[in-house]
Amino acid sequence: MIEVMQPTRPGRPDPRAQAQQAQMAAAMAGAVDLAAVKARSEAAARAQAAPPPSASAPAGAPGGAVVDVTEATFQAEVLDRSFQVPVVLDLWAEWCGPCKQLSPVLERLAVEGGGSWVLAKVDVEANPALAQGLRVQGIPAVKAVWQGQLVAEFTGAIPEEQARQFVTELVQATTGGAVPGSEPQEIEDPRLDAAEAALERGDLAAAEAAYQAILAEEPDHPDAGIALRQVQLFRRAEEAGPDALAAADAAPGDVEAQTRAADFLLGTGNIEAAFDRLLDVVRSTAGEDRDRARQHLVELFGIVGDQDPRVGDARRRLMAALF
């Protein structure tokens, strides 16, 4: 039996979250007065205290899924908000014909997203300091911001299908589609005790069966779903065994072998090594293989949880690899 990390119930405080409160370097260097950019911990705290974005808010209004941004509101509506959800900057001007083709597409996608990401529209002529700080070379320009950092961008009007793919991959690689404020409240459930007792005995099969029984009665149970995914990861890690690493090293082009190795690494607590292995696959493959590696990596993000700072770092590196 390999040693595995204990599943955690979502919503319970995790001391590792404290590690995320490192100071924020000059985010989006030059985009705003650097003296006004607060520490990362302060930006994250403001975002946590703020209400989540709402798709029902009037278009362009603060707090909506589509918001008009100026130099004065950039800190709150882009940098701070990016600690809740990814923010996509649409840099445009009234005279720009291609902007009038792309902007309505992005606005429609943002409303469809239901608050899972925010479209921040910046008129570059009215806000020249932002345009200069963001190093805008031409418009329309689109830049994605996550946790105060630029993670992806493109220039020029693109078809709706490509725009949809851009925001879909952005959301999946950052939050996985979760909307702030939508997390269910933690409830104490005695049915979880049997599963946790099985884990303490090291009986993964019994723990998996206990979580599955809960979900059979209550498919939307707030804790059992993620706990089941964690236990299934531990079982995959146990089945793969340490030989999975050698097998993956011997077949770098075998995506299945790489995912087994990543499962083993994560299940034994080597979180960064698991993430690094799948990031390497994403960088070196294309098409279906790349998408399989990306999906598996995002699944591992969900198992570890966004409270772990290594997840935030790996999400940013995933975005860089995708774009």
Protein backbone atom coordinates (compact mmCIF):
# COMPACT_ATOMS: atom_id res chain seq x y z
CA MET A 1 0.00 0.00 0.00
CA ILE A 2 1.47 3.35 -0.99
CA GLU A 3 1.12 6.32 1.32
CA VAL A 4 -1.48 8.73 -0.02
CA MET A 5 -2.57 12.17 1.04
CA GLN A 6 -5.89 12.40 2.87
CA PRO A 7 -8.90 13.75 0.95
CA THR A 8 -10.20 17.03 2.31
CA ARG A 9 -13.76 18.24 2.50
CA PRO A 10 -14.34 21.32 0.34
CA GLY A 11 -15.02 24.51 2.27
CA ARG A 12 -12.90 23.62 5.27
CA PRO A 13 -10.08 26.09 6.00
CA ASP A 14 -6.75 24.99 4.58
CA PRO A 15 -3.65 26.53 6.13
CA ARG A 16 -1.84 26.15 2.83
CA ALA A 17 -3.99 28.99 1.51
CA GLN A 18 -1.87 31.34 3.59
CA ALA A 19 1.01 30.65 1.24
CA GLN A 20 -0.92 32.33 -1.56
CA GLN A 21 -0.66 35.70 0.14
CA ALA A 22 2.78 36.51 -1.23
CA GLN A 23 3.44 40.06 -2.32
CA MET A 24 2.30 41.01 -5.81
CA ALA A 25 4.97 42.27 -8.15
CA ALA A 26 4.05 45.14 -10.42
CA ALA A 27 1.17 43.41 -12.18
CA MET A 28 0.66 44.35 -15.80
CA ALA A 29 3.78 46.56 -15.61
CA GLY A 30 2.99 50.05 -16.77
CA ALA A 31 -0.73 49.45 -17.21
CA VAL A 32 -1.52 51.60 -14.18
CA ASP A 33 0.48 53.77 -11.82
CA LEU A 34 2.75 51.17 -10.22
CA ALA A 35 2.64 53.03 -6.90
CA ALA A 36 -1.11 52.34 -6.80
CA VAL A 37 -0.81 48.59 -7.34
CA LYS A 38 -1.42 46.90 -4.01
CA ALA A 39 0.18 43.77 -2.67
CA ARG A 40 -1.17 40.49 -4.03
CA SER A 41 -2.68 39.62 -0.68
CA GLU A 42 -4.60 42.91 -0.56
CA ALA A 43 -5.94 42.43 -4.09
CA ALA A 44 -7.01 38.89 -3.26
CA ALA A 45 -8.68 40.07 -0.06
CA ARG A 46 -10.60 42.77 -1.91
CA ALA A 47 -11.73 40.25 -4.50
CA GLN A 48 -12.88 37.86 -1.79
CA ALA A 49 -14.92 40.59 -0.13
CA ALA A 50 -16.47 41.83 -3.38
CA PRO A 51 -19.67 40.33 -4.78
CA PRO A 52 -19.15 37.96 -7.71
CA PRO A 53 -19.67 39.21 -11.28
CA SER A 54 -23.25 39.01 -12.48
CA ALA A 55 -24.38 38.28 -16.02
CA SER A 56 -27.67 40.05 -15.23
CA ALA A 57 -26.02 43.42 -14.50
CA PRO A 58 -26.48 46.08 -17.20
CA ALA A 59 -23.89 45.85 -19.98
CA GLY A 60 -20.90 48.03 -19.17
CA ALA A 61 -21.82 48.52 -15.50
CA PRO A 62 -19.32 47.69 -12.73
CA GLY A 63 -19.72 44.18 -11.39
CA GLY A 64 -21.20 42.78 -14.58
CA ALA A 65 -20.03 40.10 -16.96
CA VAL A 66 -19.32 42.92 -19.45
CA VAL A 67 -17.81 46.09 -17.99
CA ASP A 68 -16.43 49.32 -19.41
CA VAL A 69 -13.01 50.00 -17.88
CA THR A 70 -11.08 53.25 -17.52
CA GLU A 71 -7.72 54.09 -16.00
CA ALA A 72 -9.55 54.92 -12.77
CA THR A 73 -11.37 51.56 -12.55
CA PHE A 74 -8.66 49.27 -13.95
CA GLN A 75 -7.43 48.24 -10.50
CA ALA A 76 -10.86 47.21 -9.22
CA GLU A 77 -12.46 45.84 -12.38
CA VAL A 78 -9.44 44.07 -13.85
CA LEU A 79 -6.63 43.40 -11.37
CA ASP A 80 -8.76 42.81 -8.27
CA ARG A 81 -11.51 41.02 -10.20
CA SER A 82 -8.95 38.66 -11.75
CA PHE A 83 -8.53 37.06 -8.32
CA GLN A 84 -12.15 35.89 -8.61
CA VAL A 85 -12.44 34.95 -12.28
CA PRO A 86 -10.33 35.40 -15.43
CA VAL A 87 -10.75 38.83 -17.02
CA VAL A 88 -10.56 39.28 -20.79
CA LEU A 89 -9.55 42.76 -21.94
CA ASP A 90 -11.12 43.95 -25.20
CA LEU A 91 -9.05 46.92 -26.41
CA TRP A 92 -10.97 48.85 -29.07
CA ALA A 93 -11.69 52.26 -30.61
CA GLU A 94 -14.77 53.78 -32.24
CA TRP A 95 -13.07 54.14 -35.63
CA CYS A 96 -11.91 50.49 -35.71
CA GLY A 97 -14.01 48.41 -38.12
CA PRO A 98 -12.68 44.96 -37.06
CA CYS A 99 -13.36 45.93 -33.42
CA LYS A 100 -17.05 46.26 -34.28
CA GLN A 101 -16.98 42.69 -35.58
CA LEU A 102 -15.16 41.13 -32.61
CA SER A 103 -16.61 43.07 -29.65
CA PRO A 104 -20.24 41.87 -30.03
CA VAL A 105 -19.00 38.27 -30.21
CA LEU A 106 -17.01 38.64 -27.00
CA GLU A 107 -19.90 40.39 -25.26
CA ARG A 108 -22.29 37.59 -26.20
CA LEU A 109 -19.84 34.93 -24.99
CA ALA A 110 -19.34 36.77 -21.69
CA VAL A 111 -23.09 36.86 -21.02
CA GLU A 112 -23.32 33.17 -21.92
CA GLY A 113 -20.52 32.54 -19.41
CA GLY A 114 -22.84 33.57 -16.59
CA GLY A 115 -20.11 35.26 -14.54
CA SER A 116 -17.46 32.56 -15.00
CA TRP A 117 -15.29 35.23 -16.68
CA VAL A 118 -15.50 38.97 -17.22
CA LEU A 119 -15.10 40.99 -20.41
CA ALA A 120 -13.45 44.33 -19.62
CA LYS A 121 -13.78 46.78 -22.53
CA VAL A 122 -11.12 49.50 -22.86
CA ASP A 123 -11.46 52.39 -25.31
CA VAL A 124 -7.80 52.94 -26.18
CA GLU A 125 -8.36 56.52 -27.38
CA ALA A 126 -10.05 57.53 -24.14
CA ASN A 127 -7.46 55.64 -22.05
CA PRO A 128 -4.07 56.11 -23.74
CA ALA A 129 -2.07 55.31 -20.58
CA LEU A 130 -3.68 51.87 -20.41
CA ALA A 131 -3.02 51.24 -24.08
CA GLN A 132 0.61 52.22 -23.67
CA GLY A 133 1.10 50.23 -20.48
CA LEU A 134 -0.48 47.16 -22.04
CA ARG A 135 1.83 47.53 -25.05
CA VAL A 136 -1.01 47.59 -27.54
CA GLN A 137 0.47 47.36 -31.06
CA GLY A 138 -2.81 47.23 -32.95
CA ILE A 139 -6.53 46.80 -32.37
CA PRO A 140 -8.65 44.93 -31.78
CA ALA A 141 -6.37 43.46 -29.13
CA VAL A 142 -7.50 40.88 -26.58
CA LYS A 143 -5.54 40.11 -23.41
CA ALA A 144 -6.49 37.69 -20.61
CA VAL A 145 -5.62 38.42 -16.98
CA TRP A 146 -5.67 35.87 -14.15
CA GLN A 147 -4.64 36.65 -10.57
CA GLY A 148 -3.11 39.94 -11.63
CA GLN A 149 -0.98 38.50 -14.41
CA LEU A 150 -1.27 38.52 -18.19
CA VAL A 151 -1.69 34.89 -19.25
CA ALA A 152 -2.84 34.93 -22.91
CA GLU A 153 -3.51 37.35 -25.75
CA PHE A 154 -4.21 37.75 -29.46
CA THR A 155 -4.54 40.63 -31.92
CA GLY A 156 -7.08 41.11 -34.70
CA ALA A 157 -10.65 39.98 -35.30
CA ILE A 158 -11.10 36.21 -35.26
CA PRO A 159 -14.12 34.01 -36.05
CA GLU A 160 -16.60 33.30 -33.26
CA GLU A 161 -15.53 29.64 -33.09
CA GLN A 162 -11.94 30.65 -32.35
CA ALA A 163 -13.04 33.29 -29.83
CA ARG A 164 -15.18 30.71 -28.06
CA GLN A 165 -12.25 28.29 -27.96
CA PHE A 166 -10.02 31.02 -26.50
CA VAL A 167 -12.36 31.81 -23.60
CA THR A 168 -13.27 28.15 -23.04
CA GLU A 169 -9.65 27.11 -22.68
CA LEU A 170 -8.94 30.17 -20.52
CA VAL A 171 -11.74 29.33 -18.10
CA GLN A 172 -10.93 25.62 -18.01
CA ALA A 173 -7.26 26.29 -17.33
CA THR A 174 -7.95 28.80 -14.55
CA THR A 175 -11.13 28.19 -12.57
CA GLY A 176 -12.61 25.21 -14.39
CA GLY A 177 -15.82 27.21 -14.83
CA ALA A 178 -16.63 27.76 -11.16
CA VAL A 179 -18.57 30.96 -10.44
CA PRO A 180 -17.60 32.80 -7.21
CA GLY A 181 -20.22 32.58 -4.52
CA SER A 182 -21.79 29.46 -6.01
CA GLU A 183 -19.93 27.01 -3.76
CA PRO A 184 -22.31 25.06 -1.55
CA GLN A 185 -22.12 25.58 2.19
CA GLU A 186 -20.38 22.83 4.06
CA ILE A 187 -22.70 20.47 5.91
CA GLU A 188 -21.79 17.82 8.40
CA ASP A 189 -22.94 14.44 7.18
CA PRO A 190 -22.49 11.29 9.29
CA ARG A 191 -22.44 9.21 6.11
CA LEU A 192 -18.98 10.64 5.42
CA ASP A 193 -17.64 9.07 8.60
CA ALA A 194 -17.70 5.55 7.16
CA ALA A 195 -15.71 6.64 4.12
CA GLU A 196 -13.18 8.51 6.22
CA ALA A 197 -12.82 5.55 8.58
CA ALA A 198 -12.06 3.35 5.57
CA LEU A 199 -9.40 5.82 4.48
CA GLU A 200 -7.82 5.72 7.91
CA ARG A 201 -7.61 1.92 7.57
CA GLY A 202 -6.06 2.33 4.13
CA ASP A 203 -9.01 0.59 2.48
CA LEU A 204 -9.44 2.67 -0.68
CA ALA A 205 -11.97 0.29 -2.22
CA ALA A 206 -14.27 0.59 0.80
CA ALA A 207 -13.89 4.37 0.84
CA GLU A 208 -14.76 4.57 -2.86
CA ALA A 209 -17.82 2.39 -2.32
CA ALA A 210 -18.96 4.55 0.60
CA TYR A 211 -18.70 7.78 -1.41
CA GLN A 212 -20.46 6.16 -4.36
CA ALA A 213 -23.31 5.08 -2.08
CA ILE A 214 -23.74 8.66 -0.87
CA LEU A 215 -23.81 9.96 -4.44
CA ALA A 216 -26.32 7.31 -5.48
CA GLU A 217 -28.71 8.77 -2.90
CA GLU A 218 -27.68 12.39 -3.37
CA PRO A 219 -25.93 13.05 -6.71
CA ASP A 220 -25.27 16.71 -5.86
CA HIS A 221 -23.73 16.05 -2.44
CA PRO A 222 -21.31 18.95 -1.79
CA ASP A 223 -18.47 16.83 -0.39
CA ALA A 224 -18.79 13.28 -1.68
CA GLY A 225 -18.18 14.12 -5.33
CA ILE A 226 -14.74 15.64 -4.93
CA ALA A 227 -13.80 13.12 -2.25
CA LEU A 228 -14.68 10.31 -4.64
CA ARG A 229 -12.47 11.84 -7.35
CA GLN A 230 -9.63 12.06 -4.86
CA VAL A 231 -10.00 8.44 -3.79
CA GLN A 232 -10.20 7.30 -7.42
CA LEU A 233 -6.97 9.18 -8.03
CA PHE A 234 -5.35 7.37 -5.10
CA ARG A 235 -6.51 4.02 -6.48
CA ARG A 236 -5.13 4.85 -9.92
CA ALA A 237 -1.85 5.83 -8.29
CA GLU A 238 -1.72 2.57 -6.36
CA GLU A 239 -2.49 0.53 -9.48
CA ALA A 240 0.10 2.39 -11.54
CA GLY A 241 2.83 1.89 -8.96
CA PRO A 242 6.38 3.27 -9.12
CA ASP A 243 7.00 1.40 -12.39
CA ALA A 244 4.72 3.96 -14.06
CA LEU A 245 7.52 6.52 -13.92
CA ALA A 246 10.01 4.35 -15.77
CA ALA A 247 7.38 3.36 -18.32
CA ALA A 248 6.51 7.00 -18.97
CA ASP A 249 10.16 8.03 -19.25
CA ALA A 250 10.68 5.25 -21.80
CA ALA A 251 7.70 6.39 -23.90
CA PRO A 252 7.56 10.21 -23.82
CA GLY A 253 5.05 10.28 -26.69
CA ASP A 254 2.57 7.96 -24.92
CA VAL A 255 -0.03 10.26 -23.35
CA GLU A 256 -1.67 7.41 -21.44
CA ALA A 257 1.67 6.50 -19.87
CA GLN A 258 2.26 10.12 -18.90
CA THR A 259 -1.15 10.44 -17.24
CA ARG A 260 -0.54 7.24 -15.24
CA ALA A 261 2.81 8.59 -14.10
CA ALA A 262 1.20 11.91 -13.14
CA ASP A 263 -1.47 10.06 -11.16
CA PHE A 264 1.20 8.13 -9.29
CA LEU A 265 3.16 11.29 -8.53
CA LEU A 266 0.11 13.20 -7.32
CA GLY A 267 -1.19 10.29 -5.28
CA THR A 268 2.13 10.08 -3.45
CA GLY A 269 2.23 13.80 -2.76
CA ASN A 270 4.63 14.90 -5.54
CA ILE A 271 2.25 17.60 -6.73
CA GLU A 272 4.67 19.81 -8.65
CA ALA A 273 6.24 16.82 -10.44
CA ALA A 274 2.79 15.58 -11.49
CA PHE A 275 1.86 18.99 -12.88
CA ASP A 276 5.23 19.43 -14.61
CA ARG A 277 4.93 16.08 -16.38
CA LEU A 278 1.55 16.90 -17.91
CA LEU A 279 2.59 20.46 -18.75
CA ASP A 280 5.47 18.97 -20.74
CA VAL A 281 2.97 16.81 -22.64
CA VAL A 282 0.77 19.85 -23.42
CA ARG A 283 3.80 21.74 -24.74
CA SER A 284 5.04 18.87 -26.91
CA THR A 285 1.81 17.55 -28.42
CA ALA A 286 -1.09 18.78 -30.53
CA GLY A 287 -4.68 17.87 -31.37
CA GLU A 288 -6.39 15.12 -29.36
CA ASP A 289 -3.25 14.16 -27.42
CA ARG A 290 -2.78 17.73 -26.25
CA ASP A 291 -6.43 18.03 -25.28
CA ARG A 292 -6.33 14.75 -23.32
CA ALA A 293 -3.28 15.93 -21.39
CA ARG A 294 -4.90 19.32 -20.74
CA GLN A 295 -8.14 17.76 -19.50
CA HIS A 296 -6.29 15.36 -17.21
CA LEU A 297 -4.20 18.20 -15.81
CA VAL A 298 -7.31 20.29 -15.11
CA GLU A 299 -8.82 17.25 -13.35
CA LEU A 300 -5.74 17.07 -11.13
CA PHE A 301 -6.09 20.79 -10.38
CA GLY A 302 -9.60 20.08 -9.08
CA ILE A 303 -8.34 17.25 -6.89
CA VAL A 304 -5.62 19.37 -5.27
CA GLY A 305 -7.79 22.50 -5.03
CA ASP A 306 -7.21 26.14 -5.87
CA GLN A 307 -6.28 26.87 -2.26
CA ASP A 308 -2.88 25.30 -3.02
CA PRO A 309 -0.53 27.92 -4.52
CA ARG A 310 1.02 25.28 -6.77
CA VAL A 311 -2.29 25.01 -8.61
CA GLY A 312 -2.35 28.73 -9.38
CA ASP A 313 1.22 28.60 -10.67
CA ALA A 314 0.51 25.54 -12.83
CA ARG A 315 -2.67 27.11 -14.24
CA ARG A 316 -0.67 30.15 -15.37
CA ARG A 317 1.94 27.91 -16.99
CA LEU A 318 -0.82 25.92 -18.70
CA MET A 319 -2.22 29.12 -20.21
CA ALA A 320 1.24 30.06 -21.46
CA ALA A 321 1.61 26.61 -23.04
CA LEU A 322 -1.81 26.76 -24.71
CA PHE A 323 -1.33 30.20 -26.19
